[in-house]
PDB file of N, CA and C in Angstrom:
ATOM      1  N   MET A   1      -1.672  -2.872  15.800  1.00  0.00           N
ATOM      2  CA  MET A   1      -0.680  -3.740  15.116  1.00  0.00           C
ATOM      3  C   MET A   1      -1.445  -5.225  15.538  1.00  0.00           C
ATOM      4  N   LYS A   2      -1.460  -5.861  14.346  1.00  0.00           N
ATOM      5  CA  LYS A   2      -1.932  -7.502  14.710  1.00  0.00           C
ATOM      6  C   LYS A   2      -0.531  -8.262  14.798  1.00  0.00           C
ATOM      7  N   VAL A   3      -0.720  -9.266  15.288  1.00  0.00           N
ATOM      8  CA  VAL A   3       0.582 -10.121  15.651  1.00  0.00           C
ATOM      9  C   VAL A   3       0.272 -11.348  14.853  1.00  0.00           C
ATOM     10  N   GLU A   4       1.465 -11.530  13.929  1.00  0.00           N
ATOM     11  CA  GLU A   4       1.463 -12.785  12.868  1.00  0.00           C
ATOM     12  C   GLU A   4       2.823 -13.452  13.669  1.00  0.00           C
ATOM     13  N   GLY A   5       2.293 -14.663  14.401  1.00  0.00           N
ATOM     14  CA  GLY A   5       3.275 -15.467  14.700  1.00  0.00           C
ATOM     15  C   GLY A   5       4.068 -14.376  16.255  1.00  0.00           C
ATOM     16  N   PHE A   6       5.319 -14.338  16.435  1.00  0.00           N
ATOM     17  CA  PHE A   6       5.827 -12.976  16.858  1.00  0.00           C
ATOM     18  C   PHE A   6       6.132 -11.836  16.358  1.00  0.00           C
ATOM     19  N   THR A   7       5.938 -11.586  14.996  1.00  0.00           N
ATOM     20  CA  THR A   7       6.005 -10.661  14.394  1.00  0.00           C
ATOM     21  C   THR A   7       5.002  -9.855  14.167  1.00  0.00           C
ATOM     22  N   LEU A   8       5.276  -8.389  14.524  1.00  0.00           N
ATOM     23  CA  LEU A   8       4.148  -7.383  14.280  1.00  0.00           C
ATOM     24  C   LEU A   8       3.952  -6.748  12.642  1.00  0.00           C
ATOM     25  N   ARG A   9       2.760  -6.876  12.640  1.00  0.00           N
ATOM     26  CA  ARG A   9       2.786  -6.131  11.143  1.00  0.00           C
ATOM     27  C   ARG A   9       2.381  -4.725  11.055  1.00  0.00           C
ATOM     28  N   LEU A  10       3.379  -3.987  10.117  1.00  0.00           N
ATOM     29  CA  LEU A  10       3.611  -2.698  10.388  1.00  0.00           C
ATOM     30  C   LEU A  10       2.559  -1.734   9.390  1.00  0.00           C
ATOM     31  N   LEU A  11       2.508  -2.364   8.365  1.00  0.00           N
ATOM     32  CA  LEU A  11       1.776  -1.983   6.903  1.00  0.00           C
ATOM     33  C   LEU A  11       0.893  -2.998   6.619  1.00  0.00           C
ATOM     34  N   GLU A  12      -0.613  -2.660   6.174  1.00  0.00           N
ATOM     35  CA  GLU A  12      -0.920  -3.650   5.743  1.00  0.00           C
ATOM     36  C   GLU A  12      -2.132  -2.805   4.678  1.00  0.00           C
ATOM     37  N   ILE A  13      -2.065  -3.456   3.247  1.00  0.00           N
ATOM     38  CA  ILE A  13      -2.598  -2.907   2.251  1.00  0.00           C
ATOM     39  C   ILE A  13      -3.616  -3.725   1.853  1.00  0.00           C
ATOM     40  N   ASP A  14      -4.833  -3.859   1.913  1.00  0.00           N
ATOM     41  CA  ASP A  14      -5.659  -4.870   1.515  1.00  0.00           C
ATOM     42  C   ASP A  14      -6.700  -4.082   0.147  1.00  0.00           C
ATOM     43  N   GLN A  15      -6.653  -4.985  -0.732  1.00  0.00           N
ATOM     44  CA  GLN A  15      -7.323  -4.915  -2.017  1.00  0.00           C
ATOM     45  C   GLN A  15      -7.286  -3.196  -2.394  1.00  0.00           C
ATOM     46  N   LEU A  16      -6.282  -2.598  -2.463  1.00  0.00           N
ATOM     47  CA  LEU A  16      -6.202  -1.103  -3.047  1.00  0.00           C
ATOM     48  C   LEU A  16      -6.490  -0.689  -4.331  1.00  0.00           C
ATOM     49  N   THR A  17      -7.488  -0.015  -4.474  1.00  0.00           N
ATOM     50  CA  THR A  17      -7.402   0.792  -5.883  1.00  0.00           C
ATOM     51  C   THR A  17      -7.117   2.080  -5.736  1.00  0.00           C
ATOM     52  N   VAL A  18      -6.348   2.823  -6.393  1.00  0.00           N
ATOM     53  CA  VAL A  18      -6.007   4.043  -6.533  1.00  0.00           C
ATOM     54  C   VAL A  18      -5.501   4.773  -7.562  1.00  0.00           C
ATOM     55  N   GLY A  19      -6.016   5.977  -8.037  1.00  0.00           N
ATOM     56  CA  GLY A  19      -5.652   6.698  -9.120  1.00  0.00           C
ATOM     57  C   GLY A  19      -5.965   8.004  -9.039  1.00  0.00           C
ATOM     58  N   TYR A  20      -6.269   8.403 -10.319  1.00  0.00           N
ATOM     59  CA  TYR A  20      -6.705  10.102 -10.743  1.00  0.00           C
ATOM     60  C   TYR A  20      -7.967   9.982 -11.161  1.00  0.00           C
ATOM     61  N   PRO A  21      -8.505  11.372 -11.317  1.00  0.00           N
ATOM     62  CA  PRO A  21      -9.775  11.147 -12.344  1.00  0.00           C
ATOM     63  C   PRO A  21      -9.869  10.211 -13.552  1.00  0.00           C
ATOM     64  N   SER A  22     -10.549   9.581 -13.519  1.00  0.00           N
ATOM     65  CA  SER A  22     -10.836   8.647 -15.118  1.00  0.00           C
ATOM     66  C   SER A  22      -9.602   7.879 -15.141  1.00  0.00           C
ATOM     67  N   LEU A  23      -8.676   7.705 -13.972  1.00  0.00           N
ATOM     68  CA  LEU A  23      -7.228   7.064 -14.788  1.00  0.00           C
ATOM     69  C   LEU A  23      -6.923   6.070 -13.159  1.00  0.00           C
ATOM     70  N   PRO A  24      -7.469   5.076 -13.364  1.00  0.00           N
ATOM     71  CA  PRO A  24      -7.138   4.239 -12.240  1.00  0.00           C
ATOM     72  C   PRO A  24      -5.719   3.945 -12.499  1.00  0.00           C
ATOM     73  N   VAL A  25      -4.922   3.884 -11.519  1.00  0.00           N
ATOM     74  CA  VAL A  25      -3.288   3.422 -11.638  1.00  0.00           C
ATOM     75  C   VAL A  25      -3.040   2.001 -10.923  1.00  0.00           C
ATOM     76  N   LEU A  26      -3.562   1.755  -9.764  1.00  0.00           N
ATOM     77  CA  LEU A  26      -3.442   0.328  -9.145  1.00  0.00           C
ATOM     78  C   LEU A  26      -4.967  -0.114  -9.006  1.00  0.00           C
ATOM     79  N   GLU A  27      -4.948  -1.401  -9.364  1.00  0.00           N
ATOM     80  CA  GLU A  27      -6.205  -1.829  -8.834  1.00  0.00           C
ATOM     81  C   GLU A  27      -5.557  -3.369  -8.186  1.00  0.00           C
ATOM     82  N   ASN A  28      -6.717  -3.261  -7.068  1.00  0.00           N
ATOM     83  CA  ASN A  28      -6.558  -4.394  -5.854  1.00  0.00           C
ATOM     84  C   ASN A  28      -5.123  -4.934  -5.400  1.00  0.00           C
ATOM     85  N   VAL A  29      -4.359  -4.210  -4.973  1.00  0.00           N
ATOM     86  CA  VAL A  29      -3.363  -4.249  -4.668  1.00  0.00           C
ATOM     87  C   VAL A  29      -3.243  -4.725  -2.953  1.00  0.00           C
ATOM     88  N   SER A  30      -2.610  -5.899  -2.434  1.00  0.00           N
ATOM     89  CA  SER A  30      -2.546  -6.119  -1.440  1.00  0.00           C
ATOM     90  C   SER A  30      -1.251  -6.405  -0.870  1.00  0.00           C
ATOM     91  N   LEU A  31      -0.786  -5.833   0.376  1.00  0.00           N
ATOM     92  CA  LEU A  31       0.535  -6.104   0.609  1.00  0.00           C
ATOM     93  C   LEU A  31       0.691  -5.945   2.280  1.00  0.00           C
ATOM     94  N   THR A  32       1.734  -6.979   2.852  1.00  0.00           N
ATOM     95  CA  THR A  32       1.990  -6.885   4.501  1.00  0.00           C
ATOM     96  C   THR A  32       3.097  -6.794   4.694  1.00  0.00           C
ATOM     97  N   VAL A  33       3.576  -5.723   5.437  1.00  0.00           N
ATOM     98  CA  VAL A  33       5.198  -5.230   5.515  1.00  0.00           C
ATOM     99  C   VAL A  33       5.085  -5.536   7.267  1.00  0.00           C
ATOM    100  N   CYS A  34       5.969  -6.708   7.745  1.00  0.00           N
ATOM    101  CA  CYS A  34       6.223  -6.911   9.207  1.00  0.00           C
ATOM    102  C   CYS A  34       7.192  -6.050   9.735  1.00  0.00           C
ATOM    103  N   GLN A  35       7.339  -6.247  11.134  1.00  0.00           N
ATOM    104  CA  GLN A  35       8.502  -5.180  11.720  1.00  0.00           C
ATOM    105  C   GLN A  35       9.803  -6.091  11.311  1.00  0.00           C
ATOM    106  N   GLN A  36      10.668  -4.943  10.981  1.00  0.00           N
ATOM    107  CA  GLN A  36      12.352  -5.631  10.719  1.00  0.00           C
ATOM    108  C   GLN A  36      12.505  -6.286   9.501  1.00  0.00           C
ATOM    109  N   ARG A  37      11.526  -5.595   8.626  1.00  0.00           N
ATOM    110  CA  ARG A  37      12.064  -5.893   7.032  1.00  0.00           C
ATOM    111  C   ARG A  37      12.133  -4.898   6.252  1.00  0.00           C
ATOM    112  N   ILE A  38      12.893  -4.832   5.467  1.00  0.00           N
ATOM    113  CA  ILE A  38      13.211  -3.947   4.325  1.00  0.00           C
ATOM    114  C   ILE A  38      12.540  -4.364   3.156  1.00  0.00           C
ATOM    115  N   VAL A  39      11.546  -3.388   2.642  1.00  0.00           N
ATOM    116  CA  VAL A  39      10.843  -3.693   1.475  1.00  0.00           C
ATOM    117  C   VAL A  39      11.039  -2.723   0.362  1.00  0.00           C
ATOM    118  N   ALA A  40      11.291  -3.161  -0.848  1.00  0.00           N
ATOM    119  CA  ALA A  40      11.506  -2.229  -2.147  1.00  0.00           C
ATOM    120  C   ALA A  40      10.338  -2.194  -3.115  1.00  0.00           C
ATOM    121  N   VAL A  41       9.995  -0.970  -3.476  1.00  0.00           N
ATOM    122  CA  VAL A  41       9.082  -1.116  -4.578  1.00  0.00           C
ATOM    123  C   VAL A  41       9.738  -0.587  -5.898  1.00  0.00           C
ATOM    124  N   VAL A  42       9.706  -1.745  -6.673  1.00  0.00           N
ATOM    125  CA  VAL A  42      10.457  -1.704  -8.033  1.00  0.00           C
ATOM    126  C   VAL A  42       9.685  -1.745  -9.114  1.00  0.00           C
ATOM    127  N   GLY A  43       9.607  -1.119 -10.335  1.00  0.00           N
ATOM    128  CA  GLY A  43       8.761  -1.247 -11.582  1.00  0.00           C
ATOM    129  C   GLY A  43       9.705  -0.358 -12.411  1.00  0.00           C
ATOM    130  N   PRO A  44       9.103  -0.304 -13.547  1.00  0.00           N
ATOM    131  CA  PRO A  44       9.067   0.402 -14.820  1.00  0.00           C
ATOM    132  C   PRO A  44       8.678   2.079 -14.380  1.00  0.00           C
ATOM    133  N   ASN A  45       8.650   2.975 -15.272  1.00  0.00           N
ATOM    134  CA  ASN A  45       8.149   4.172 -14.999  1.00  0.00           C
ATOM    135  C   ASN A  45       6.629   3.837 -15.381  1.00  0.00           C
ATOM    136  N   GLY A  46       5.867   4.723 -14.970  1.00  0.00           N
ATOM    137  CA  GLY A  46       4.605   4.609 -14.912  1.00  0.00           C
ATOM    138  C   GLY A  46       3.580   3.499 -14.408  1.00  0.00           C
ATOM    139  N   SER A  47       4.623   2.791 -13.864  1.00  0.00           N
ATOM    140  CA  SER A  47       3.777   1.322 -12.989  1.00  0.00           C
ATOM    141  C   SER A  47       2.712   1.578 -11.533  1.00  0.00           C
ATOM    142  N   GLY A  48       2.978   2.688 -11.112  1.00  0.00           N
ATOM    143  CA  GLY A  48       2.461   3.263 -10.198  1.00  0.00           C
ATOM    144  C   GLY A  48       3.125   3.136  -8.757  1.00  0.00           C
ATOM    145  N   LYS A  49       4.302   3.162  -8.483  1.00  0.00           N
ATOM    146  CA  LYS A  49       5.005   3.325  -7.350  1.00  0.00           C
ATOM    147  C   LYS A  49       4.898   4.247  -6.401  1.00  0.00           C
ATOM    148  N   THR A  50       5.063   5.874  -7.207  1.00  0.00           N
ATOM    149  CA  THR A  50       4.805   6.894  -6.411  1.00  0.00           C
ATOM    150  C   THR A  50       3.328   7.012  -5.974  1.00  0.00           C
ATOM    151  N   THR A  51       2.484   6.460  -6.859  1.00  0.00           N
ATOM    152  CA  THR A  51       0.923   6.616  -6.540  1.00  0.00           C
ATOM    153  C   THR A  51       0.919   5.557  -5.267  1.00  0.00           C
ATOM    154  N   LEU A  52       1.379   4.490  -5.424  1.00  0.00           N
ATOM    155  CA  LEU A  52       1.543   3.877  -4.201  1.00  0.00           C
ATOM    156  C   LEU A  52       1.947   4.539  -3.092  1.00  0.00           C
ATOM    157  N   LEU A  53       3.017   4.987  -2.848  1.00  0.00           N
ATOM    158  CA  LEU A  53       3.710   5.844  -1.903  1.00  0.00           C
ATOM    159  C   LEU A  53       2.767   6.910  -1.405  1.00  0.00           C
ATOM    160  N   LYS A  54       2.137   7.798  -2.103  1.00  0.00           N
ATOM    161  CA  LYS A  54       1.155   8.716  -1.983  1.00  0.00           C
ATOM    162  C   LYS A  54       0.105   8.301  -1.160  1.00  0.00           C
ATOM    163  N   ALA A  55      -0.444   7.078  -1.751  1.00  0.00           N
ATOM    164  CA  ALA A  55      -1.747   6.614  -1.050  1.00  0.00           C
ATOM    165  C   ALA A  55      -1.550   6.284   0.424  1.00  0.00           C
ATOM    166  N   VAL A  56      -0.144   5.512   0.247  1.00  0.00           N
ATOM    167  CA  VAL A  56       0.153   5.115   1.914  1.00  0.00           C
ATOM    168  C   VAL A  56       0.491   6.280   2.729  1.00  0.00           C
ATOM    169  N   SER A  57       1.330   7.476   2.454  1.00  0.00           N
ATOM    170  CA  SER A  57       1.271   8.704   3.222  1.00  0.00           C
ATOM    171  C   SER A  57       0.113   9.318   3.392  1.00  0.00           C
ATOM    172  N   GLY A  58      -0.958   9.494   2.531  1.00  0.00           N
ATOM    173  CA  GLY A  58      -2.263   9.864   2.832  1.00  0.00           C
ATOM    174  C   GLY A  58      -2.469  10.937   2.079  1.00  0.00           C
ATOM    175  N   LEU A  59      -1.650  11.549   0.774  1.00  0.00           N
ATOM    176  CA  LEU A  59      -1.803  12.704   0.068  1.00  0.00           C
ATOM    177  C   LEU A  59      -2.823  12.245  -1.165  1.00  0.00           C
ATOM    178  N   ILE A  60      -2.819  10.870  -1.589  1.00  0.00           N
ATOM    179  CA  ILE A  60      -4.309  10.896  -2.134  1.00  0.00           C
ATOM    180  C   ILE A  60      -5.045   9.785  -1.800  1.00  0.00           C
ATOM    181  N   ARG A  61      -6.493   9.737  -1.941  1.00  0.00           N
ATOM    182  CA  ARG A  61      -7.441   8.736  -1.133  1.00  0.00           C
ATOM    183  C   ARG A  61      -7.594   7.406  -2.209  1.00  0.00           C
ATOM    184  N   PRO A  62      -7.335   6.517  -1.491  1.00  0.00           N
ATOM    185  CA  PRO A  62      -8.124   5.483  -2.441  1.00  0.00           C
ATOM    186  C   PRO A  62      -9.360   5.160  -2.813  1.00  0.00           C
ATOM    187  N   VAL A  63      -9.687   4.897  -3.906  1.00  0.00           N
ATOM    188  CA  VAL A  63     -11.036   4.521  -4.435  1.00  0.00           C
ATOM    189  C   VAL A  63     -11.654   3.447  -3.647  1.00  0.00           C
ATOM    190  N   LYS A  64     -10.873   2.515  -3.497  1.00  0.00           N
ATOM    191  CA  LYS A  64     -11.344   1.428  -2.706  1.00  0.00           C
ATOM    192  C   LYS A  64     -10.263   0.634  -1.923  1.00  0.00           C
ATOM    193  N   GLY A  65     -10.540   0.020  -0.985  1.00  0.00           N
ATOM    194  CA  GLY A  65      -9.720  -1.000  -0.414  1.00  0.00           C
ATOM    195  C   GLY A  65      -9.053   0.041   1.061  1.00  0.00           C
ATOM    196  N   HIS A  66      -8.233  -0.534   1.772  1.00  0.00           N
ATOM    197  CA  HIS A  66      -7.872  -0.117   3.285  1.00  0.00           C
ATOM    198  C   HIS A  66      -6.123  -0.121   3.350  1.00  0.00           C
ATOM    199  N   ILE A  67      -5.954   0.738   3.918  1.00  0.00           N
ATOM    200  CA  ILE A  67      -4.253   0.750   3.973  1.00  0.00           C
ATOM    201  C   ILE A  67      -4.363   1.075   5.976  1.00  0.00           C
ATOM    202  N   ARG A  68      -3.734   0.230   6.370  1.00  0.00           N
ATOM    203  CA  ARG A  68      -3.498   0.463   7.822  1.00  0.00           C
ATOM    204  C   ARG A  68      -1.911   0.598   8.203  1.00  0.00           C
ATOM    205  N   PHE A  69      -1.463   1.521   9.081  1.00  0.00           N
ATOM    206  CA  PHE A  69      -0.257   1.911   9.173  1.00  0.00           C
ATOM    207  C   PHE A  69      -0.241   1.683  10.907  1.00  0.00           C
ATOM    208  N   ALA A  70       0.674   0.824  11.468  1.00  0.00           N
ATOM    209  CA  ALA A  70       0.850   0.421  12.812  1.00  0.00           C
ATOM    210  C   ALA A  70      -0.086   0.410  13.450  1.00  0.00           C
ATOM    211  N   GLY A  71      -1.284  -0.342  12.871  1.00  0.00           N
ATOM    212  CA  GLY A  71      -2.545  -0.758  13.645  1.00  0.00           C
ATOM    213  C   GLY A  71      -3.638  -0.425  12.772  1.00  0.00           C
TER     214      GLY A  71
END
């Protein structure tokens, strides 16, 4: 875990590109979630919300980029 001031970064997504064969769904997404924060992923159908959560949970592999959870 990195320390940002006195707040710990629990989830870091850096330049994430993820999708399915021949269909990129998300490209170059970056996000940092610090401790004691509530985050919502909001968007229309087909915008990549579930794909993002699948990548964070390890169900699909990123094409590019990094995901760090709790360190």
